[in-house]
Amino acid sequence: MTAGRAPRAARRIAAIARWLLWPCAFALMLPLLNRLQPASPGTLGWLLDLAAHWQWEYAVVWFALCLLCAMRDRRYLLLAPFAALPLFTATRMLPASDGEGPSLVIVAANVNLANRDPAPLAAWLRAQPADVVMLTELTPAYADALANALVDLYPHRAFAPDDSAFGIGLLSRHPLTRIERRGSVDGIPSLGADIALDGAAVRVVAVHPMPPMAPHWQEERDRLLRMLAGGAAATPMVVAGDLNATPWSTALAGGARGGLFRATGSAPTWPGRHIGIPIDHVLASAHWRRGETVRGPAIGSDHLPVRATLRRAGRFVER
C-alpha cells in the first residue's frame, strides 16, 4: 500500500467504526432497557432479551471500535473504559461473606445429554467435594454410573432422569427430605428437596427451563424464577442449574427483585471457557452470603460446571 493510500484507508476504517459505535452502545445498554419491560414483554421484549445475553462480546467489539476510531482521533480512547459496563448492568450478586458462619457448597452441572462418561465430573467432585450437586440433562445411564462412582461421598440422591434434555437430579452428602418434582405448564421439570443445616431446613431446587427460543419459553423461564423467588423470603433457599439465562436477562432480574441473588459470577459457561455466555448459575436467598465461586473443569459436556460456597448470614428460623 502506498503512503497516500494508507491514511485514506485509516480514515475509512475510522469512519465505519464511528458508525458502528452507536449500535454497539445500544447493545451494551440492553440490560437496563430490559428491566423496564413488563412481565410478559411480547415479541419485541423477547428479541431484546435474546440480544442482551452477549454482553461480553459487545464489550470486546466496543473496545476494538474505540481503538479503530482512535486512529483518527485519540479522544475516542476516553470511551474505551465503557467496555466494563457489563460488570455494572448485571443483576445483583449476593453480598460477600466475612468468612463466618456454617457453609454450604453447591455445584451445578449440565452434564450434556450425549455425554456417556461421568468420570471427569466424579473426579472433580472427589477433589473438590460439594454438599449438594444439582444435575441437568441427566440420562438414566449417566445417573446410575455417577451414583455408583460417588456412592460413598454422596449417599443421598433424588433423580428424575430422562432420555431427553430435561432429566434432572440431586446428589447430596446430607439426607434429603420433602423431595418434590414439579412440572411447568409444558411439563418441564424442576426438582426440590430440603436438607438440614445447623438444625434448620434449607430448600434446594434444581432447575433447567427451556431455552428462550420463542416468547412463550422466555415467559415460562421468567415465571419459574419469579415463582421460586416468591418463596425465598421466608425460607433459606438455593436454586441452581442451567437457567438458560445470563446475568443481564429478564429472568435473573425478576428473580433478584423477588429475593434470589447470584452467588456465581459472569464468566462464560456455555459453549466454552473463553467464548460464550454465562447461563449456569447458583442463586440464593438473602439468608446467605457469598463465599468462593469458581467454574469447574471440562467434564465432557458443552457446559462448564459452577461451584459456589454459601455462608449463613444469620440464624435460620427453624421450621
Protein backbone atom coordinates (compact mmCIF):
# COMPACT_ATOMS: atom_id res chain seq x y z
CA MET A 1 0.00 0.00 0.00
CA THR A 2 1.36 3.41 -0.98
CA ALA A 3 1.94 6.21 1.52
CA GLY A 4 -1.09 8.12 0.22
CA ARG A 5 -3.48 5.18 0.36
CA ALA A 6 -2.66 4.25 3.96
CA PRO A 7 -4.11 7.45 5.51
CA ARG A 8 -7.21 7.16 3.30
CA ALA A 9 -7.76 3.58 4.41
CA ALA A 10 -7.31 4.57 8.06
CA ARG A 11 -9.86 7.37 7.66
CA ARG A 12 -12.34 4.99 6.01
CA ILE A 13 -11.93 2.38 8.77
CA ALA A 14 -12.30 5.01 11.48
CA ALA A 15 -15.45 6.40 9.82
CA ILE A 16 -17.05 2.95 9.69
CA ALA A 17 -16.06 2.31 13.30
CA ARG A 18 -17.68 5.58 14.42
CA TRP A 19 -20.98 4.50 12.88
CA LEU A 20 -20.76 1.05 14.48
CA LEU A 21 -20.26 2.57 17.93
CA TRP A 22 -23.93 3.56 18.02
CA PRO A 23 -25.50 0.07 17.68
CA CYS A 24 -22.81 -1.31 19.98
CA ALA A 25 -23.68 1.29 22.63
CA PHE A 26 -27.35 0.33 22.30
CA ALA A 27 -26.46 -3.35 22.76
CA LEU A 28 -24.47 -2.56 25.92
CA MET A 29 -27.49 -0.69 27.33
CA LEU A 30 -29.97 -3.51 26.64
CA PRO A 31 -29.91 -4.95 30.21
CA LEU A 32 -31.08 -1.59 31.55
CA LEU A 33 -33.78 -1.29 28.89
CA ASN A 34 -35.00 -4.82 29.57
CA ARG A 35 -35.63 -4.02 33.23
CA LEU A 36 -38.31 -1.59 32.07
CA GLN A 37 -40.16 -4.39 30.27
CA PRO A 38 -43.43 -5.82 31.67
CA ALA A 39 -43.56 -9.40 32.98
CA SER A 40 -44.90 -10.55 29.58
CA PRO A 41 -42.85 -8.39 27.21
CA GLY A 42 -44.11 -9.85 23.92
CA THR A 43 -42.14 -10.42 20.77
CA LEU A 44 -40.11 -7.19 20.89
CA GLY A 45 -39.14 -7.75 24.52
CA TRP A 46 -38.20 -11.33 23.73
CA LEU A 47 -35.91 -10.23 20.90
CA LEU A 48 -34.28 -7.57 23.07
CA ASP A 49 -33.70 -10.12 25.83
CA LEU A 50 -32.09 -12.56 23.40
CA ALA A 51 -29.79 -9.80 22.20
CA ALA A 52 -28.86 -8.79 25.76
CA HIS A 53 -27.17 -12.11 26.61
CA TRP A 54 -24.00 -11.38 24.66
CA GLN A 55 -22.64 -8.53 26.77
CA TRP A 56 -19.01 -9.68 26.91
CA GLU A 57 -18.92 -9.99 23.12
CA TYR A 58 -20.34 -6.46 22.78
CA ALA A 59 -17.72 -5.24 25.25
CA VAL A 60 -14.90 -6.67 23.13
CA VAL A 61 -16.37 -5.12 19.98
CA TRP A 62 -16.78 -1.75 21.73
CA PHE A 63 -13.17 -1.74 22.86
CA ALA A 64 -11.94 -2.66 19.37
CA LEU A 65 -14.10 0.06 17.76
CA CYS A 66 -12.72 2.66 20.16
CA LEU A 67 -9.18 1.67 19.16
CA LEU A 68 -10.06 1.94 15.48
CA CYS A 69 -11.69 5.35 15.97
CA ALA A 70 -8.59 6.49 17.84
CA MET A 71 -6.61 6.04 14.64
CA ARG A 72 -8.09 9.39 13.63
CA ASP A 73 -8.98 10.97 16.97
CA ARG A 74 -7.36 9.84 20.21
CA ARG A 75 -10.22 11.25 22.25
CA TYR A 76 -12.14 8.06 21.43
CA LEU A 77 -9.84 6.26 23.85
CA LEU A 78 -11.80 8.03 26.61
CA LEU A 79 -14.79 5.87 25.62
CA ALA A 80 -12.88 2.57 25.82
CA PRO A 81 -13.49 2.04 29.59
CA PHE A 82 -17.23 1.70 28.86
CA ALA A 83 -16.31 -1.85 27.79
CA ALA A 84 -16.58 -2.63 31.53
CA LEU A 85 -20.28 -1.73 31.52
CA PRO A 86 -21.45 -5.40 31.70
CA LEU A 87 -19.99 -5.57 35.21
CA PHE A 88 -22.42 -2.87 36.31
CA THR A 89 -25.52 -3.85 34.32
CA ALA A 90 -25.55 -7.47 35.54
CA THR A 91 -28.17 -8.41 38.12
CA ARG A 92 -27.27 -8.16 41.77
CA MET A 93 -24.90 -10.60 43.38
CA LEU A 94 -25.27 -11.94 46.86
CA PRO A 95 -23.22 -9.87 49.35
CA ALA A 96 -19.78 -11.26 50.04
CA SER A 97 -19.19 -13.31 53.16
CA ASP A 98 -16.96 -12.25 56.03
CA GLY A 99 -15.91 -15.88 56.41
CA GLU A 100 -18.06 -16.59 59.47
CA GLY A 101 -20.98 -18.99 59.88
CA PRO A 102 -21.83 -22.50 58.67
CA SER A 103 -21.18 -23.06 54.97
CA LEU A 104 -22.98 -24.90 52.21
CA VAL A 105 -21.14 -25.79 48.99
CA ILE A 106 -23.27 -26.11 45.86
CA VAL A 107 -22.31 -27.44 42.42
CA ALA A 108 -24.46 -27.07 39.32
CA ALA A 109 -23.53 -29.19 36.29
CA ASN A 110 -25.22 -29.61 32.95
CA VAL A 111 -23.71 -32.98 32.08
CA ASN A 112 -24.99 -32.96 28.46
CA LEU A 113 -27.48 -35.41 27.05
CA ALA A 114 -24.88 -37.01 24.77
CA ASN A 115 -22.23 -37.43 27.49
CA ARG A 116 -21.71 -41.05 28.48
CA ASP A 117 -18.69 -40.73 30.77
CA PRO A 118 -19.20 -39.46 34.35
CA ALA A 119 -15.54 -39.99 35.28
CA PRO A 120 -14.38 -36.35 34.77
CA LEU A 121 -17.22 -34.98 36.90
CA ALA A 122 -16.75 -37.67 39.55
CA ALA A 123 -13.01 -36.94 39.75
CA TRP A 124 -13.63 -33.21 40.21
CA LEU A 125 -16.27 -33.80 42.89
CA ARG A 126 -13.85 -36.03 44.77
CA ALA A 127 -11.09 -33.46 44.52
CA GLN A 128 -13.39 -30.57 45.50
CA PRO A 129 -16.41 -32.04 47.28
CA ALA A 130 -19.70 -30.19 47.47
CA ASP A 131 -22.59 -30.61 49.88
CA VAL A 132 -25.21 -30.70 47.13
CA VAL A 133 -24.75 -31.33 43.40
CA MET A 134 -27.54 -30.25 41.03
CA LEU A 135 -27.52 -32.08 37.71
CA THR A 136 -29.28 -31.27 34.45
CA GLU A 137 -29.57 -33.15 31.13
CA LEU A 138 -29.32 -36.27 33.29
CA THR A 139 -29.96 -39.55 31.46
CA PRO A 140 -30.75 -42.81 33.29
CA ALA A 141 -27.43 -44.40 32.27
CA TYR A 142 -25.36 -41.39 33.35
CA ALA A 143 -27.31 -41.11 36.62
CA ASP A 144 -26.64 -44.76 37.53
CA ALA A 145 -22.94 -44.56 36.63
CA LEU A 146 -22.37 -41.32 38.54
CA ALA A 147 -24.26 -42.52 41.61
CA ASN A 148 -22.21 -45.73 41.68
CA ALA A 149 -18.95 -43.81 41.29
CA LEU A 150 -19.77 -41.48 44.20
CA VAL A 151 -21.96 -43.60 46.48
CA ASP A 152 -19.51 -43.29 49.39
CA LEU A 153 -19.28 -39.50 49.10
CA TYR A 154 -22.90 -38.72 48.21
CA PRO A 155 -25.10 -41.37 49.82
CA HIS A 156 -28.31 -39.39 49.31
CA ARG A 157 -29.87 -38.65 45.95
CA ALA A 158 -33.08 -37.72 44.20
CA PHE A 159 -33.08 -38.42 40.49
CA ALA A 160 -35.64 -37.81 37.78
CA PRO A 161 -33.52 -38.83 34.77
CA ASP A 162 -34.81 -38.90 31.23
CA ASP A 163 -33.53 -39.65 27.75
CA SER A 164 -34.22 -36.04 26.82
CA ALA A 165 -32.60 -32.73 27.71
CA PHE A 166 -34.79 -32.45 30.80
CA GLY A 167 -33.55 -35.21 33.06
CA ILE A 168 -32.68 -33.69 36.43
CA GLY A 169 -31.19 -34.80 39.72
CA LEU A 170 -29.73 -34.04 43.14
CA LEU A 171 -26.73 -35.63 44.84
CA SER A 172 -26.24 -34.78 48.50
CA ARG A 173 -23.98 -35.51 51.43
CA HIS A 174 -26.95 -34.73 53.69
CA PRO A 175 -30.29 -36.55 53.93
CA LEU A 176 -32.92 -35.22 51.55
CA THR A 177 -36.48 -34.72 52.76
CA ARG A 178 -39.63 -33.25 51.25
CA ILE A 179 -38.48 -34.28 47.80
CA GLU A 180 -40.75 -32.78 45.18
CA ARG A 181 -40.68 -32.93 41.40
CA ARG A 182 -42.71 -30.21 39.73
CA GLY A 183 -43.54 -29.69 36.09
CA SER A 184 -44.23 -26.43 34.33
CA VAL A 185 -47.39 -25.98 32.27
CA ASP A 186 -45.37 -27.50 29.43
CA GLY A 187 -44.07 -30.38 31.54
CA ILE A 188 -40.50 -29.10 32.04
CA PRO A 189 -39.43 -30.46 35.46
CA SER A 190 -37.75 -28.89 38.46
CA LEU A 191 -36.64 -30.93 41.46
CA GLY A 192 -36.57 -29.67 45.04
CA ALA A 193 -35.73 -31.09 48.45
CA ASP A 194 -34.92 -29.99 51.98
CA ILE A 195 -31.59 -30.54 53.70
CA ALA A 196 -30.76 -29.75 57.32
CA LEU A 197 -28.06 -27.21 58.12
CA ASP A 198 -27.31 -26.34 61.72
CA GLY A 199 -30.72 -27.59 62.82
CA ALA A 200 -32.77 -25.71 60.23
CA ALA A 201 -34.24 -26.74 56.88
CA VAL A 202 -32.78 -25.36 53.67
CA ARG A 203 -34.64 -25.71 50.39
CA VAL A 204 -32.51 -26.69 47.38
CA VAL A 205 -34.04 -26.67 43.90
CA ALA A 206 -32.51 -27.87 40.63
CA VAL A 207 -33.98 -26.24 37.52
CA HIS A 208 -33.47 -26.34 33.76
CA PRO A 209 -36.05 -24.25 31.90
CA MET A 210 -36.42 -24.40 28.14
CA PRO A 211 -34.07 -22.18 26.12
CA PRO A 212 -35.96 -18.97 25.31
CA MET A 213 -36.24 -19.70 21.59
CA ALA A 214 -39.74 -18.19 21.44
CA PRO A 215 -41.60 -15.57 23.52
CA HIS A 216 -43.59 -18.33 25.25
CA TRP A 217 -40.42 -20.03 26.51
CA GLN A 218 -38.97 -16.76 27.76
CA GLU A 219 -42.17 -16.11 29.70
CA GLU A 220 -42.14 -19.63 31.18
CA ARG A 221 -38.49 -19.32 32.22
CA ASP A 222 -39.05 -15.93 33.83
CA ARG A 223 -42.22 -17.12 35.58
CA LEU A 224 -40.36 -20.07 37.09
CA LEU A 225 -37.65 -17.81 38.56
CA ARG A 226 -40.24 -15.36 39.91
CA MET A 227 -42.23 -18.21 41.47
CA LEU A 228 -39.16 -19.63 43.22
CA ALA A 229 -38.10 -16.17 44.36
CA GLY A 230 -41.54 -15.73 45.90
CA GLY A 231 -40.72 -18.38 48.49
CA ALA A 232 -37.21 -17.15 49.17
CA ALA A 233 -38.11 -14.51 51.75
CA ALA A 234 -39.37 -16.92 54.39
CA THR A 235 -37.24 -19.98 53.63
CA PRO A 236 -33.46 -20.29 53.21
CA MET A 237 -33.25 -21.31 49.58
CA VAL A 238 -30.74 -22.23 46.90
CA VAL A 239 -31.72 -22.55 43.23
CA ALA A 240 -29.18 -23.82 40.72
CA GLY A 241 -28.81 -25.31 37.28
CA ASP A 242 -28.65 -24.43 33.63
CA LEU A 243 -31.06 -21.49 33.73
CA ASN A 244 -30.76 -20.62 30.03
CA ALA A 245 -30.43 -17.02 31.22
CA THR A 246 -27.49 -14.69 31.72
CA PRO A 247 -26.93 -12.09 34.47
CA TRP A 248 -28.31 -9.47 32.02
CA SER A 249 -31.56 -11.28 31.26
CA THR A 250 -35.12 -10.55 32.32
CA ALA A 251 -35.19 -13.90 34.16
CA LEU A 252 -32.42 -13.11 36.63
CA ALA A 253 -33.59 -9.53 37.01
CA GLY A 254 -37.03 -10.80 38.03
CA GLY A 255 -35.51 -13.33 40.42
CA ALA A 256 -33.37 -10.66 42.06
CA ARG A 257 -36.40 -8.40 42.56
CA GLY A 258 -38.09 -11.33 44.30
CA GLY A 259 -35.14 -12.17 46.54
CA LEU A 260 -32.90 -14.65 44.68
CA PHE A 261 -29.40 -13.33 44.08
CA ARG A 262 -26.45 -14.64 42.09
CA ALA A 263 -23.77 -16.49 44.01
CA THR A 264 -21.80 -17.26 40.83
CA GLY A 265 -20.07 -14.83 38.52
CA SER A 266 -20.48 -13.74 34.92
CA ALA A 267 -17.72 -15.75 33.22
CA PRO A 268 -18.89 -17.88 30.26
CA THR A 269 -20.10 -21.41 30.97
CA TRP A 270 -21.52 -22.25 27.52
CA PRO A 271 -20.35 -23.17 24.94
CA GLY A 272 -16.78 -22.69 26.15
CA ARG A 273 -14.46 -21.27 28.78
CA HIS A 274 -13.34 -18.20 26.85
CA ILE A 275 -16.10 -17.53 24.32
CA GLY A 276 -19.74 -17.80 25.21
CA ILE A 277 -22.30 -16.73 27.77
CA PRO A 278 -22.85 -17.47 31.49
CA ILE A 279 -26.08 -19.46 31.75
CA ASP A 280 -25.21 -21.91 34.56
CA HIS A 281 -25.82 -20.36 37.96
CA VAL A 282 -26.23 -20.78 41.68
CA LEU A 283 -28.83 -18.39 43.11
CA ALA A 284 -29.52 -17.97 46.81
CA SER A 285 -31.92 -16.12 49.09
CA ALA A 286 -30.93 -13.22 51.33
CA HIS A 287 -30.33 -15.70 54.18
CA TRP A 288 -26.88 -16.34 52.68
CA ARG A 289 -23.61 -14.62 51.97
CA ARG A 290 -21.32 -15.44 49.06
CA GLY A 291 -18.03 -17.20 49.57
CA GLU A 292 -15.70 -18.62 46.92
CA THR A 293 -17.18 -19.15 43.47
CA VAL A 294 -15.42 -20.99 40.64
CA ARG A 295 -16.04 -22.56 37.27
CA GLY A 296 -15.18 -26.21 37.14
CA PRO A 297 -13.15 -28.10 34.55
CA ALA A 298 -14.31 -29.66 31.31
CA ILE A 299 -16.48 -32.69 32.12
CA GLY A 300 -17.31 -33.92 28.61
CA SER A 301 -20.21 -31.51 28.30
CA ASP A 302 -20.69 -28.36 26.25
CA HIS A 303 -21.21 -26.59 29.61
CA LEU A 304 -18.74 -25.90 32.39
CA PRO A 305 -19.98 -26.69 35.90
CA VAL A 306 -20.07 -23.96 38.56
CA ARG A 307 -19.33 -24.19 42.26
CA ALA A 308 -20.35 -21.74 44.98
CA THR A 309 -19.70 -21.65 48.71
CA LEU A 310 -22.54 -20.06 50.68
CA ARG A 311 -22.36 -18.96 54.29
CA ARG A 312 -25.28 -18.36 56.56
CA ALA A 313 -25.93 -14.64 57.06
CA GLY A 314 -27.57 -15.08 60.45
CA ARG A 315 -29.52 -17.63 62.44
CA PHE A 316 -32.07 -19.53 60.42
CA VAL A 317 -35.51 -19.84 61.93
CA GLU A 318 -36.34 -23.47 62.45
CA ARG A 319 -39.49 -24.70 60.77
